[in-house]
N, C-alpha and C. Protein backbone atom coordinates (compact mmCIF):
# COMPACT_ATOMS: atom_id res chain seq x y z
N UNK A 1 185.78 159.70 146.62
CA UNK A 1 184.79 159.79 145.23
C UNK A 1 185.94 160.48 144.53
N UNK A 2 187.16 160.90 145.05
CA UNK A 2 187.97 161.47 143.79
C UNK A 2 188.21 160.33 142.58
N UNK A 3 188.53 158.89 143.20
CA UNK A 3 189.22 157.85 141.78
C UNK A 3 187.54 157.64 140.89
N UNK A 4 186.60 157.70 141.54
CA UNK A 4 185.19 158.23 140.72
C UNK A 4 185.20 158.91 139.65
N UNK A 5 185.08 160.22 140.25
CA UNK A 5 185.59 161.64 139.30
C UNK A 5 186.26 161.10 138.09
N UNK A 6 187.37 160.52 138.52
CA UNK A 6 188.61 160.56 137.62
C UNK A 6 188.30 159.54 136.42
N UNK A 7 187.85 158.39 137.19
CA UNK A 7 187.37 157.44 136.23
C UNK A 7 186.17 158.00 135.09
N UNK A 8 185.38 158.90 135.65
CA UNK A 8 184.54 159.39 134.56
C UNK A 8 184.89 159.99 133.46
N UNK A 9 186.09 161.00 134.27
CA UNK A 9 186.53 161.89 132.94
C UNK A 9 187.41 161.47 132.27
N UNK A 10 188.47 160.31 132.68
CA UNK A 10 189.03 159.60 131.57
C UNK A 10 187.99 158.98 130.78
N UNK A 11 186.97 158.43 131.12
CA UNK A 11 186.25 157.66 129.72
C UNK A 11 185.31 158.72 129.42
N UNK A 12 185.26 159.88 129.47
CA UNK A 12 184.25 161.03 128.73
C UNK A 12 185.48 161.27 127.90
N UNK A 13 186.94 161.56 128.22
CA UNK A 13 187.87 161.67 127.01
C UNK A 13 188.18 161.09 126.24
N UNK A 14 188.43 159.39 126.46
CA UNK A 14 188.21 158.37 125.60
C UNK A 14 187.36 158.62 124.90
N UNK A 15 185.82 158.97 124.91
CA UNK A 15 184.54 158.79 124.16
C UNK A 15 184.86 159.94 123.31
N UNK A 16 185.83 161.26 123.39
CA UNK A 16 185.46 162.26 122.84
C UNK A 16 186.91 161.94 121.74
N UNK A 17 187.56 161.56 122.09
CA UNK A 17 188.82 160.82 121.24
C UNK A 17 188.44 160.13 120.12
N UNK A 18 187.74 159.01 120.26
CA UNK A 18 186.82 158.16 119.46
C UNK A 18 186.35 158.83 118.76
N UNK A 19 185.28 159.60 119.31
CA UNK A 19 184.40 160.32 118.26
C UNK A 19 185.10 161.47 117.08
N UNK A 20 186.19 161.73 117.69
CA UNK A 20 187.68 162.78 117.17
C UNK A 20 187.72 162.02 115.63
N UNK A 21 188.29 160.85 116.42
CA UNK A 21 188.79 159.87 114.94
C UNK A 21 188.14 159.35 114.18
N UNK A 22 186.81 159.22 115.09
CA UNK A 22 186.05 158.58 113.53
C UNK A 22 185.22 159.78 112.74
N UNK A 23 185.16 160.99 113.31
CA UNK A 23 184.75 162.12 112.41
C UNK A 23 185.57 162.56 111.39
N UNK A 24 186.53 162.42 111.86
CA UNK A 24 187.67 163.14 111.03
C UNK A 24 188.46 162.04 109.81
N UNK A 25 188.09 160.59 110.44
CA UNK A 25 188.58 159.77 109.22
C UNK A 25 189.93 158.85 109.83
N UNK A 26 190.70 159.51 110.37
CA UNK A 26 191.96 158.98 110.57
C UNK A 26 191.65 157.91 111.49
N UNK A 27 193.06 156.94 110.76
CA UNK A 27 192.94 155.67 111.41
C UNK A 27 191.94 154.52 110.96
N UNK A 28 190.66 155.30 110.35
CA UNK A 28 189.89 154.52 110.05
C UNK A 28 189.71 153.71 108.53
N UNK A 29 190.40 153.16 108.33
CA UNK A 29 190.72 152.70 107.04
C UNK A 29 190.03 151.37 106.56
N UNK A 30 189.28 151.03 107.31
CA UNK A 30 187.94 149.74 107.10
C UNK A 30 186.88 149.90 108.01
N UNK A 31 185.88 149.39 107.55
CA UNK A 31 184.58 149.14 108.23
C UNK A 31 184.80 148.37 109.00
N UNK A 32 185.45 147.64 109.56
CA UNK A 32 185.95 146.68 110.63
C UNK A 32 186.41 147.48 111.52
N UNK A 33 187.35 148.56 111.33
CA UNK A 33 187.91 149.49 112.26
C UNK A 33 186.75 150.51 112.47
N UNK A 34 185.84 150.88 112.31
CA UNK A 34 184.75 151.72 112.18
C UNK A 34 184.11 151.03 113.29
N UNK A 35 183.88 149.69 112.73
CA UNK A 35 182.73 149.16 113.74
C UNK A 35 183.33 148.96 114.89
N UNK A 36 184.36 148.72 115.28
CA UNK A 36 185.20 148.38 116.41
C UNK A 36 185.20 149.69 117.42
N UNK A 37 185.66 150.84 117.01
CA UNK A 37 185.51 151.75 117.39
C UNK A 37 184.45 152.64 117.78
N UNK A 38 183.39 151.76 116.95
CA UNK A 38 181.84 152.81 117.50
C UNK A 38 181.06 151.46 118.61
N UNK A 39 181.96 150.34 118.63
CA UNK A 39 181.47 149.19 119.71
C UNK A 39 182.05 149.82 121.14
N UNK A 40 183.31 150.20 120.87
CA UNK A 40 184.17 150.57 121.83
C UNK A 40 183.78 151.74 122.38
N UNK A 41 182.89 152.71 121.87
CA UNK A 41 182.31 154.09 122.47
C UNK A 41 180.98 153.86 123.39
N UNK A 42 180.46 152.55 122.55
CA UNK A 42 179.23 152.32 123.33
C UNK A 42 179.38 151.38 124.12
N UNK A 43 180.26 151.10 124.44
CA UNK A 43 180.47 150.26 125.64
C UNK A 43 180.93 151.29 126.78
N UNK A 44 181.83 152.06 126.50
CA UNK A 44 182.22 153.39 127.45
C UNK A 44 181.04 154.11 127.83
N UNK A 45 179.84 154.31 126.78
CA UNK A 45 178.51 154.94 127.12
C UNK A 45 177.70 153.72 128.20
N UNK A 46 178.02 152.57 128.19
CA UNK A 46 177.15 151.36 128.57
C UNK A 46 177.44 151.53 130.41
N UNK A 47 178.93 151.81 130.40
CA UNK A 47 179.82 152.08 131.60
C UNK A 47 179.67 152.65 132.53
N UNK A 48 179.52 154.36 131.72
CA UNK A 48 179.36 155.42 132.46
C UNK A 48 177.48 155.29 132.89
N UNK A 49 176.70 154.94 132.07
CA UNK A 49 175.08 154.80 132.42
C UNK A 49 175.21 153.88 133.80
N UNK A 50 175.97 152.62 133.64
CA UNK A 50 175.68 151.93 134.62
C UNK A 50 176.45 152.72 136.11
N UNK A 51 177.52 153.42 135.90
CA UNK A 51 178.02 153.56 137.23
C UNK A 51 176.99 155.15 137.51
N UNK A 52 176.30 155.77 136.56
CA UNK A 52 175.22 157.01 137.52
C UNK A 52 174.32 155.85 138.01
N UNK A 53 173.52 155.04 137.03
CA UNK A 53 172.22 154.21 137.95
C UNK A 53 173.14 153.66 139.30
N UNK A 54 173.87 153.58 139.81
CA UNK A 54 174.98 152.66 141.13
C UNK A 54 174.97 154.54 141.71
N UNK A 55 175.22 155.30 141.19
CA UNK A 55 175.48 156.37 141.91
C UNK A 55 174.04 157.15 142.45
N UNK A 56 173.08 156.81 141.39
CA UNK A 56 171.52 157.23 141.94
C UNK A 56 171.36 156.69 142.62
N UNK A 57 171.20 155.06 142.67
CA UNK A 57 170.78 154.22 143.50
C UNK A 57 171.33 154.36 144.99
N UNK A 58 173.03 154.83 144.89
CA UNK A 58 173.18 155.22 146.38
C UNK A 58 172.67 156.72 147.18
N UNK A 59 172.51 157.49 146.37
CA UNK A 59 171.83 158.87 146.48
C UNK A 59 170.67 158.35 147.22
N UNK A 60 169.63 157.74 146.48
CA UNK A 60 168.39 157.05 146.78
C UNK A 60 168.41 156.66 148.34
N UNK A 61 169.25 155.30 148.33
CA UNK A 61 169.28 155.04 149.43
C UNK A 61 169.63 156.11 150.97
N UNK A 62 170.38 156.89 150.56
CA UNK A 62 171.03 157.73 151.52
C UNK A 62 169.96 158.51 152.05
N UNK A 63 169.15 158.71 151.06
CA UNK A 63 167.57 159.98 151.36
C UNK A 63 166.60 159.23 152.38
N UNK A 64 166.33 158.09 152.21
CA UNK A 64 165.53 157.22 152.50
C UNK A 64 165.79 156.84 154.52
């Protein structure tokens, strides 16, 4: 479980770095760059949601 916790922490940290970059405008010198960062952030959110769904499914299966 420690690897999963590490993964989640790294993904959340990366999402925060992207959000800070976009909010501050650093390194966002074109709309294309902005779109890429927003897409990357959305992809990370999807990965977190999928992992949460898997983990929740595992918990539900263990309770049965």
